[in-house]
Amino acid sequence: MAVALMISGAVAFRRSVSGQPRGPFCGMGICFECRATINGEAQRRTCQTPCAAGMEVVTDAV
């Protein structure tokens, strides 16, 4: 999922408590920087979630 988001142009998936943009770092589920809401479930690690047709992905990097 993280790669698909990056291909679509997303570089920041969430913001840190100080407002800094955060995106995938480790790519293997250890750093938790790639978290997003997937199909209504918050704080999912996008680097560990396979893509499927019709998924709803919402990042917190607004």
Protein backbone atom coordinates (compact mmCIF):
# COMPACT_ATOMS: atom_id res chain seq x y z
CA MET A 1 0.00 0.00 0.00
CA ALA A 2 2.79 2.49 0.85
CA VAL A 3 4.35 2.09 -2.59
CA ALA A 4 1.00 2.62 -4.31
CA LEU A 5 0.45 5.82 -2.30
CA MET A 6 3.91 7.09 -3.20
CA ILE A 7 3.39 6.29 -6.90
CA SER A 8 0.16 8.30 -6.76
CA GLY A 9 2.15 11.31 -5.51
CA ALA A 10 1.76 11.10 -1.72
CA VAL A 11 5.05 11.84 0.02
CA ALA A 12 3.75 12.59 3.51
CA PHE A 13 1.22 10.25 5.09
CA ARG A 14 0.84 11.94 8.47
CA ARG A 15 2.19 14.86 10.54
CA SER A 16 4.31 14.62 13.68
CA VAL A 17 3.15 16.30 16.89
CA SER A 18 5.25 19.33 15.89
CA GLY A 19 3.61 19.43 12.44
CA GLN A 20 6.47 17.95 10.40
CA PRO A 21 5.43 15.77 7.42
CA ARG A 22 6.16 12.08 7.92
CA GLY A 23 6.24 9.27 5.36
CA PRO A 24 7.57 5.73 4.96
CA PHE A 25 11.04 5.26 6.36
CA CYS A 26 11.90 1.62 7.04
CA GLY A 27 9.43 -0.13 4.70
CA MET A 28 9.15 -3.14 6.99
CA GLY A 29 6.74 -2.11 9.74
CA ILE A 30 9.19 -1.10 12.46
CA CYS A 31 9.16 2.71 12.33
CA PHE A 32 5.35 3.31 12.09
CA GLU A 33 5.89 6.47 9.99
CA CYS A 34 3.65 5.20 7.18
CA ARG A 35 0.43 4.98 9.20
CA ALA A 36 -2.88 5.85 7.56
CA THR A 37 -6.57 5.01 7.89
CA ILE A 38 -7.41 2.06 5.65
CA ASN A 39 -11.04 1.06 5.14
CA GLY A 40 -12.01 2.97 8.27
CA GLU A 41 -9.36 1.40 10.49
CA ALA A 42 -6.97 4.07 11.83
CA GLN A 43 -3.23 3.73 12.42
CA ARG A 44 -2.66 0.93 9.88
CA ARG A 45 0.91 0.49 8.64
CA THR A 46 0.66 1.02 4.89
CA CYS A 47 4.00 -0.70 4.23
CA GLN A 48 2.55 -3.94 5.63
CA THR A 49 -0.88 -3.76 3.98
CA PRO A 50 -1.36 -5.34 0.53
CA CYS A 51 -3.35 -3.33 -2.02
CA ALA A 52 -6.78 -4.44 -3.15
CA ALA A 53 -9.31 -2.93 -5.51
CA GLY A 54 -11.74 -0.52 -3.87
CA MET A 55 -9.71 0.18 -0.73
CA GLU A 56 -10.34 3.53 0.95
CA VAL A 57 -7.09 5.08 2.20
CA VAL A 58 -7.01 8.37 4.09
CA THR A 59 -3.75 9.96 5.18
CA ASP A 60 -3.45 12.43 8.04
CA ALA A 61 -0.96 14.68 6.21
CA VAL A 62 -3.48 17.40 5.44
